[in-house]
Amino acid sequence: MPIPHMSPEFLPEDHPDLLENTDLPAKVIRVLRNACFTRLSDFDNMTDIDLLREPGMGLRDVRAVREARARQKLRDGDKPFD
């Protein structure tokens, strides 16, 4: 079964959507990378409950992901909440 959040397209190292280029704590990035996530936009279609089901994720981590994504959307000129 393919993993839906794995994207085969290449992103440059300095792309703002990559987890390493966000201001997320290193612990959160490590947990998300271990769950095969690579981009902040991978979480757009996920609920907080879905994120909490990932091993090692806590409520603070979920909030950090949501806040980082909202900041990224504001920088990009998108609506902050869909």
PDB file of N, CA and C in Angstrom:
ATOM      1  N   MET A   1       0.842  -1.180   0.000  1.00  0.00           N
ATOM      2  CA  MET A   1       0.000   0.000   0.000  1.00  0.00           C
ATOM      3  C   MET A   1       0.888   1.244   0.000  1.00  0.00           C
ATOM      4  N   PRO A   2       0.715   2.146  -0.959  1.00  0.00           N
ATOM      5  CA  PRO A   2       1.560   3.338  -1.014  1.00  0.00           C
ATOM      6  C   PRO A   2       1.231   4.303   0.126  1.00  0.00           C
ATOM      7  N   ILE A   3       2.247   5.023   0.560  1.00  0.00           N
ATOM      8  CA  ILE A   3       2.070   6.021   1.603  1.00  0.00           C
ATOM      9  C   ILE A   3       1.634   7.323   0.934  1.00  0.00           C
ATOM     10  N   PRO A   4       0.445   7.850   1.247  1.00  0.00           N
ATOM     11  CA  PRO A   4      -0.081   8.998   0.506  1.00  0.00           C
ATOM     12  C   PRO A   4       0.709  10.288   0.695  1.00  0.00           C
ATOM     13  N   HIS A   5       1.392  10.456   1.834  1.00  0.00           N
ATOM     14  CA  HIS A   5       2.077  11.717   2.066  1.00  0.00           C
ATOM     15  C   HIS A   5       3.506  11.719   1.533  1.00  0.00           C
ATOM     16  N   MET A   6       3.944  10.625   0.944  1.00  0.00           N
ATOM     17  CA  MET A   6       5.268  10.585   0.342  1.00  0.00           C
ATOM     18  C   MET A   6       5.175  11.138  -1.082  1.00  0.00           C
ATOM     19  N   SER A   7       5.923  12.170  -1.345  1.00  0.00           N
ATOM     20  CA  SER A   7       5.873  12.796  -2.656  1.00  0.00           C
ATOM     21  C   SER A   7       7.172  12.520  -3.406  1.00  0.00           C
ATOM     22  N   PRO A   8       7.077  12.025  -4.639  1.00  0.00           N
ATOM     23  CA  PRO A   8       8.297  11.709  -5.373  1.00  0.00           C
ATOM     24  C   PRO A   8       8.985  12.933  -5.970  1.00  0.00           C
ATOM     25  N   GLU A   9       8.337  14.070  -5.951  1.00  0.00           N
ATOM     26  CA  GLU A   9       8.941  15.229  -6.596  1.00  0.00           C
ATOM     27  C   GLU A   9      10.086  15.794  -5.757  1.00  0.00           C
ATOM     28  N   PHE A  10      11.063  16.346  -6.433  1.00  0.00           N
ATOM     29  CA  PHE A  10      12.260  16.880  -5.793  1.00  0.00           C
ATOM     30  C   PHE A  10      12.038  18.324  -5.374  1.00  0.00           C
ATOM     31  N   LEU A  11      12.488  18.655  -4.172  1.00  0.00           N
ATOM     32  CA  LEU A  11      12.461  20.032  -3.693  1.00  0.00           C
ATOM     33  C   LEU A  11      13.889  20.450  -3.374  1.00  0.00           C
ATOM     34  N   PRO A  12      14.263  21.686  -3.712  1.00  0.00           N
ATOM     35  CA  PRO A  12      15.614  22.138  -3.361  1.00  0.00           C
ATOM     36  C   PRO A  12      15.784  22.189  -1.838  1.00  0.00           C
ATOM     37  N   GLU A  13      17.041  22.129  -1.382  1.00  0.00           N
ATOM     38  CA  GLU A  13      17.322  22.086   0.050  1.00  0.00           C
ATOM     39  C   GLU A  13      16.792  23.298   0.810  1.00  0.00           C
ATOM     40  N   ASP A  14      16.691  24.444   0.152  1.00  0.00           N
ATOM     41  CA  ASP A  14      16.261  25.656   0.851  1.00  0.00           C
ATOM     42  C   ASP A  14      14.766  25.940   0.689  1.00  0.00           C
ATOM     43  N   HIS A  15      14.006  24.972   0.192  1.00  0.00           N
ATOM     44  CA  HIS A  15      12.565  25.170   0.002  1.00  0.00           C
ATOM     45  C   HIS A  15      11.880  25.345   1.355  1.00  0.00           C
ATOM     46  N   PRO A  16      11.025  26.361   1.505  1.00  0.00           N
ATOM     47  CA  PRO A  16      10.409  26.632   2.815  1.00  0.00           C
ATOM     48  C   PRO A  16       9.414  25.574   3.276  1.00  0.00           C
ATOM     49  N   ASP A  17       8.996  24.675   2.410  1.00  0.00           N
ATOM     50  CA  ASP A  17       8.031  23.653   2.799  1.00  0.00           C
ATOM     51  C   ASP A  17       8.696  22.432   3.446  1.00  0.00           C
ATOM     52  N   LEU A  18      10.000  22.291   3.289  1.00  0.00           N
ATOM     53  CA  LEU A  18      10.705  21.170   3.906  1.00  0.00           C
ATOM     54  C   LEU A  18      10.733  21.346   5.424  1.00  0.00           C
ATOM     55  N   LEU A  19      10.578  20.250   6.132  1.00  0.00           N
ATOM     56  CA  LEU A  19      10.518  20.314   7.600  1.00  0.00           C
ATOM     57  C   LEU A  19      11.767  20.960   8.198  1.00  0.00           C
ATOM     58  N   GLU A  20      12.925  20.692   7.618  1.00  0.00           N
ATOM     59  CA  GLU A  20      14.161  21.235   8.162  1.00  0.00           C
ATOM     60  C   GLU A  20      14.256  22.753   8.028  1.00  0.00           C
ATOM     61  N   ASN A  21      13.477  23.337   7.137  1.00  0.00           N
ATOM     62  CA  ASN A  21      13.521  24.782   6.915  1.00  0.00           C
ATOM     63  C   ASN A  21      12.434  25.525   7.685  1.00  0.00           C
ATOM     64  N   THR A  22      11.753  24.835   8.570  1.00  0.00           N
ATOM     65  CA  THR A  22      10.743  25.473   9.416  1.00  0.00           C
ATOM     66  C   THR A  22      11.366  25.749  10.775  1.00  0.00           C
ATOM     67  N   ASP A  23      10.624  26.415  11.625  1.00  0.00           N
ATOM     68  CA  ASP A  23      11.120  26.690  12.968  1.00  0.00           C
ATOM     69  C   ASP A  23      10.608  25.665  13.983  1.00  0.00           C
ATOM     70  N   LEU A  24      10.274  24.481  13.490  1.00  0.00           N
ATOM     71  CA  LEU A  24       9.846  23.406  14.381  1.00  0.00           C
ATOM     72  C   LEU A  24      11.030  22.912  15.212  1.00  0.00           C
ATOM     73  N   PRO A  25      10.760  22.496  16.450  1.00  0.00           N
ATOM     74  CA  PRO A  25      11.838  21.934  17.272  1.00  0.00           C
ATOM     75  C   PRO A  25      12.424  20.677  16.626  1.00  0.00           C
ATOM     76  N   ALA A  26      13.692  20.434  16.873  1.00  0.00           N
ATOM     77  CA  ALA A  26      14.385  19.294  16.275  1.00  0.00           C
ATOM     78  C   ALA A  26      13.723  17.972  16.651  1.00  0.00           C
ATOM     79  N   LYS A  27      13.198  17.867  17.852  1.00  0.00           N
ATOM     80  CA  LYS A  27      12.528  16.637  18.296  1.00  0.00           C
ATOM     81  C   LYS A  27      11.311  16.350  17.425  1.00  0.00           C
ATOM     82  N   VAL A  28      10.537  17.382  17.118  1.00  0.00           N
ATOM     83  CA  VAL A  28       9.339  17.217  16.293  1.00  0.00           C
ATOM     84  C   VAL A  28       9.737  16.818  14.877  1.00  0.00           C
ATOM     85  N   ILE A  29      10.752  17.458  14.336  1.00  0.00           N
ATOM     86  CA  ILE A  29      11.216  17.123  12.987  1.00  0.00           C
ATOM     87  C   ILE A  29      11.691  15.673  12.943  1.00  0.00           C
ATOM     88  N   ARG A  30      12.423  15.232  13.959  1.00  0.00           N
ATOM     89  CA  ARG A  30      12.909  13.856  14.010  1.00  0.00           C
ATOM     90  C   ARG A  30      11.744  12.862  14.038  1.00  0.00           C
ATOM     91  N   VAL A  31      10.725  13.141  14.861  1.00  0.00           N
ATOM     92  CA  VAL A  31       9.556  12.258  14.946  1.00  0.00           C
ATOM     93  C   VAL A  31       8.836  12.200  13.606  1.00  0.00           C
ATOM     94  N   LEU A  32       8.638  13.346  12.971  1.00  0.00           N
ATOM     95  CA  LEU A  32       7.928  13.393  11.698  1.00  0.00           C
ATOM     96  C   LEU A  32       8.722  12.726  10.583  1.00  0.00           C
ATOM     97  N   ARG A  33      10.035  12.899  10.574  1.00  0.00           N
ATOM     98  CA  ARG A  33      10.879  12.240   9.576  1.00  0.00           C
ATOM     99  C   ARG A  33      10.830  10.727   9.741  1.00  0.00           C
ATOM    100  N   ASN A  34      10.817  10.265  10.980  1.00  0.00           N
ATOM    101  CA  ASN A  34      10.733   8.821  11.230  1.00  0.00           C
ATOM    102  C   ASN A  34       9.400   8.247  10.762  1.00  0.00           C
ATOM    103  N   ALA A  35       8.370   9.091  10.699  1.00  0.00           N
ATOM    104  CA  ALA A  35       7.066   8.662  10.194  1.00  0.00           C
ATOM    105  C   ALA A  35       6.951   8.914   8.690  1.00  0.00           C
ATOM    106  N   CYS A  36       8.070   9.202   8.023  1.00  0.00           N
ATOM    107  CA  CYS A  36       8.156   9.395   6.564  1.00  0.00           C
ATOM    108  C   CYS A  36       7.514  10.672   6.056  1.00  0.00           C
ATOM    109  N   PHE A  37       7.379  11.685   6.880  1.00  0.00           N
ATOM    110  CA  PHE A  37       6.916  12.989   6.415  1.00  0.00           C
ATOM    111  C   PHE A  37       8.130  13.815   6.015  1.00  0.00           C
ATOM    112  N   THR A  38       7.988  14.622   4.976  1.00  0.00           N
ATOM    113  CA  THR A  38       9.102  15.449   4.519  1.00  0.00           C
ATOM    114  C   THR A  38       8.734  16.924   4.400  1.00  0.00           C
ATOM    115  N   ARG A  39       7.440  17.216   4.242  1.00  0.00           N
ATOM    116  CA  ARG A  39       7.006  18.590   3.982  1.00  0.00           C
ATOM    117  C   ARG A  39       5.985  19.036   5.020  1.00  0.00           C
ATOM    118  N   LEU A  40       5.962  20.316   5.255  1.00  0.00           N
ATOM    119  CA  LEU A  40       4.977  20.884   6.172  1.00  0.00           C
ATOM    120  C   LEU A  40       3.578  20.799   5.582  1.00  0.00           C
ATOM    121  N   SER A  41       3.467  20.874   4.281  1.00  0.00           N
ATOM    122  CA  SER A  41       2.156  20.805   3.634  1.00  0.00           C
ATOM    123  C   SER A  41       1.562  19.396   3.650  1.00  0.00           C
ATOM    124  N   ASP A  42       2.339  18.395   4.075  1.00  0.00           N
ATOM    125  CA  ASP A  42       1.809  17.030   4.188  1.00  0.00           C
ATOM    126  C   ASP A  42       0.665  16.957   5.194  1.00  0.00           C
ATOM    127  N   PHE A  43       0.596  17.925   6.084  1.00  0.00           N
ATOM    128  CA  PHE A  43      -0.378  17.879   7.174  1.00  0.00           C
ATOM    129  C   PHE A  43      -1.650  18.667   6.883  1.00  0.00           C
ATOM    130  N   ASP A  44      -1.766  19.218   5.705  1.00  0.00           N
ATOM    131  CA  ASP A  44      -2.937  20.038   5.370  1.00  0.00           C
ATOM    132  C   ASP A  44      -4.239  19.254   5.441  1.00  0.00           C
ATOM    133  N   ASN A  45      -4.238  18.019   5.042  1.00  0.00           N
ATOM    134  CA  ASN A  45      -5.464  17.221   5.014  1.00  0.00           C
ATOM    135  C   ASN A  45      -5.582  16.279   6.203  1.00  0.00           C
ATOM    136  N   MET A  46      -4.770  16.501   7.219  1.00  0.00           N
ATOM    137  CA  MET A  46      -4.799  15.649   8.406  1.00  0.00           C
ATOM    138  C   MET A  46      -5.444  16.401   9.570  1.00  0.00           C
ATOM    139  N   THR A  47      -6.173  15.670  10.371  1.00  0.00           N
ATOM    140  CA  THR A  47      -6.749  16.269  11.576  1.00  0.00           C
ATOM    141  C   THR A  47      -5.726  16.166  12.709  1.00  0.00           C
ATOM    142  N   ASP A  48      -6.000  16.878  13.794  1.00  0.00           N
ATOM    143  CA  ASP A  48      -5.129  16.801  14.954  1.00  0.00           C
ATOM    144  C   ASP A  48      -5.089  15.381  15.509  1.00  0.00           C
ATOM    145  N   ILE A  49      -6.209  14.692  15.447  1.00  0.00           N
ATOM    146  CA  ILE A  49      -6.268  13.308  15.924  1.00  0.00           C
ATOM    147  C   ILE A  49      -5.348  12.423  15.094  1.00  0.00           C
ATOM    148  N   ASP A  50      -5.340  12.632  13.769  1.00  0.00           N
ATOM    149  CA  ASP A  50      -4.447  11.853  12.906  1.00  0.00           C
ATOM    150  C   ASP A  50      -2.985  12.082  13.287  1.00  0.00           C
ATOM    151  N   LEU A  51      -2.646  13.330  13.574  1.00  0.00           N
ATOM    152  CA  LEU A  51      -1.276  13.637  13.970  1.00  0.00           C
ATOM    153  C   LEU A  51      -0.938  13.005  15.316  1.00  0.00           C
ATOM    154  N   LEU A  52      -1.872  13.046  16.240  1.00  0.00           N
ATOM    155  CA  LEU A  52      -1.624  12.465  17.559  1.00  0.00           C
ATOM    156  C   LEU A  52      -1.452  10.952  17.500  1.00  0.00           C
ATOM    157  N   ARG A  53      -1.958  10.333  16.466  1.00  0.00           N
ATOM    158  CA  ARG A  53      -1.797   8.889  16.300  1.00  0.00           C
ATOM    159  C   ARG A  53      -0.392   8.504  15.860  1.00  0.00           C
ATOM    160  N   GLU A  54       0.369   9.462  15.386  1.00  0.00           N
ATOM    161  CA  GLU A  54       1.750   9.171  14.993  1.00  0.00           C
ATOM    162  C   GLU A  54       2.572   8.902  16.251  1.00  0.00           C
ATOM    163  N   PRO A  55       3.415   7.884  16.241  1.00  0.00           N
ATOM    164  CA  PRO A  55       4.224   7.566  17.423  1.00  0.00           C
ATOM    165  C   PRO A  55       5.126   8.733  17.822  1.00  0.00           C
ATOM    166  N   GLY A  56       5.109   9.078  19.080  1.00  0.00           N
ATOM    167  CA  GLY A  56       5.974  10.132  19.599  1.00  0.00           C
ATOM    168  C   GLY A  56       5.386  11.527  19.533  1.00  0.00           C
ATOM    169  N   MET A  57       4.233  11.694  18.903  1.00  0.00           N
ATOM    170  CA  MET A  57       3.622  13.024  18.778  1.00  0.00           C
ATOM    171  C   MET A  57       2.767  13.321  19.999  1.00  0.00           C
ATOM    172  N   GLY A  58       2.903  14.529  20.516  1.00  0.00           N
ATOM    173  CA  GLY A  58       2.089  14.995  21.621  1.00  0.00           C
ATOM    174  C   GLY A  58       1.314  16.228  21.204  1.00  0.00           C
ATOM    175  N   LEU A  59       0.500  16.727  22.102  1.00  0.00           N
ATOM    176  CA  LEU A  59      -0.332  17.885  21.794  1.00  0.00           C
ATOM    177  C   LEU A  59       0.518  19.122  21.487  1.00  0.00           C
ATOM    178  N   ARG A  60       1.613  19.298  22.205  1.00  0.00           N
ATOM    179  CA  ARG A  60       2.499  20.441  21.912  1.00  0.00           C
ATOM    180  C   ARG A  60       3.090  20.343  20.515  1.00  0.00           C
ATOM    181  N   ASP A  61       3.437  19.132  20.118  1.00  0.00           N
ATOM    182  CA  ASP A  61       3.997  18.929  18.784  1.00  0.00           C
ATOM    183  C   ASP A  61       2.967  19.248  17.699  1.00  0.00           C
ATOM    184  N   VAL A  62       1.735  18.837  17.919  1.00  0.00           N
ATOM    185  CA  VAL A  62       0.659  19.121  16.965  1.00  0.00           C
ATOM    186  C   VAL A  62       0.451  20.626  16.848  1.00  0.00           C
ATOM    187  N   ARG A  63       0.435  21.288  17.982  1.00  0.00           N
ATOM    188  CA  ARG A  63       0.276  22.754  17.961  1.00  0.00           C
ATOM    189  C   ARG A  63       1.431  23.421  17.224  1.00  0.00           C
ATOM    190  N   ALA A  64       2.649  22.928  17.434  1.00  0.00           N
ATOM    191  CA  ALA A  64       3.812  23.496  16.754  1.00  0.00           C
ATOM    192  C   ALA A  64       3.695  23.334  15.242  1.00  0.00           C
ATOM    193  N   VAL A  65       3.230  22.168  14.789  1.00  0.00           N
ATOM    194  CA  VAL A  65       3.047  21.925  13.358  1.00  0.00           C
ATOM    195  C   VAL A  65       1.983  22.861  12.798  1.00  0.00           C
ATOM    196  N   ARG A  66       0.859  22.981  13.472  1.00  0.00           N
ATOM    197  CA  ARG A  66      -0.227  23.851  13.001  1.00  0.00           C
ATOM    198  C   ARG A  66       0.201  25.318  12.957  1.00  0.00           C
ATOM    199  N   GLU A  67       0.927  25.775  13.975  1.00  0.00           N
ATOM    200  CA  GLU A  67       1.387  27.162  13.995  1.00  0.00           C
ATOM    201  C   GLU A  67       2.410  27.426  12.897  1.00  0.00           C
ATOM    202  N   ALA A  68       3.309  26.476  12.684  1.00  0.00           N
ATOM    203  CA  ALA A  68       4.315  26.638  11.621  1.00  0.00           C
ATOM    204  C   ALA A  68       3.644  26.697  10.255  1.00  0.00           C
ATOM    205  N   ARG A  69       2.641  25.865  10.041  1.00  0.00           N
ATOM    206  CA  ARG A  69       1.935  25.874   8.753  1.00  0.00           C
ATOM    207  C   ARG A  69       1.155  27.171   8.565  1.00  0.00           C
ATOM    208  N   ALA A  70       0.544  27.672   9.631  1.00  0.00           N
ATOM    209  CA  ALA A  70      -0.185  28.938   9.535  1.00  0.00           C
ATOM    210  C   ALA A  70       0.772  30.083   9.212  1.00  0.00           C
ATOM    211  N   ARG A  71       1.948  30.089   9.840  1.00  0.00           N
ATOM    212  CA  ARG A  71       2.940  31.129   9.532  1.00  0.00           C
ATOM    213  C   ARG A  71       3.394  31.035   8.088  1.00  0.00           C
ATOM    214  N   GLN A  72       3.588  29.819   7.602  1.00  0.00           N
ATOM    215  CA  GLN A  72       4.021  29.638   6.218  1.00  0.00           C
ATOM    216  C   GLN A  72       2.956  30.128   5.248  1.00  0.00           C
ATOM    217  N   LYS A  73       1.702  29.847   5.532  1.00  0.00           N
ATOM    218  CA  LYS A  73       0.621  30.295   4.655  1.00  0.00           C
ATOM    219  C   LYS A  73       0.526  31.813   4.643  1.00  0.00           C
ATOM    220  N   LEU A  74       0.717  32.442   5.801  1.00  0.00           N
ATOM    221  CA  LEU A  74       0.681  33.901   5.849  1.00  0.00           C
ATOM    222  C   LEU A  74       1.826  34.504   5.048  1.00  0.00           C
ATOM    223  N   ARG A  75       2.999  33.882   5.125  1.00  0.00           N
ATOM    224  CA  ARG A  75       4.149  34.364   4.341  1.00  0.00           C
ATOM    225  C   ARG A  75       3.897  34.222   2.853  1.00  0.00           C
ATOM    226  N   ASP A  76       3.233  33.138   2.474  1.00  0.00           N
ATOM    227  CA  ASP A  76       2.972  32.880   1.063  1.00  0.00           C
ATOM    228  C   ASP A  76       1.771  33.651   0.537  1.00  0.00           C
ATOM    229  N   GLY A  77       1.044  34.327   1.413  1.00  0.00           N
ATOM    230  CA  GLY A  77      -0.114  35.093   0.984  1.00  0.00           C
ATOM    231  C   GLY A  77      -1.392  34.286   0.897  1.00  0.00           C
ATOM    232  N   ASP A  78      -1.365  33.044   1.378  1.00  0.00           N
ATOM    233  CA  ASP A  78      -2.560  32.220   1.380  1.00  0.00           C
ATOM    234  C   ASP A  78      -3.445  32.591   2.556  1.00  0.00           C
ATOM    235  N   LYS A  79      -4.655  32.056   2.554  1.00  0.00           N
ATOM    236  CA  LYS A  79      -5.526  32.220   3.703  1.00  0.00           C
ATOM    237  C   LYS A  79      -4.931  31.442   4.864  1.00  0.00           C
ATOM    238  N   PRO A  80      -4.945  31.982   6.101  1.00  0.00           N
ATOM    239  CA  PRO A  80      -4.355  31.268   7.210  1.00  0.00           C
ATOM    240  C   PRO A  80      -5.086  29.985   7.580  1.00  0.00           C
ATOM    241  N   PHE A  81      -6.390  29.937   7.361  1.00  0.00           N
ATOM    242  CA  PHE A  81      -7.159  28.745   7.698  1.00  0.00           C
ATOM    243  C   PHE A  81      -8.091  28.426   6.553  1.00  0.00           C
ATOM    244  N   ASP A  82      -8.122  27.157   6.175  1.00  0.00           N
ATOM    245  CA  ASP A  82      -8.999  26.756   5.075  1.00  0.00           C
ATOM    246  C   ASP A  82     -10.320  26.282   5.602  1.00  0.00           C
TER     247      ASP A  82
END
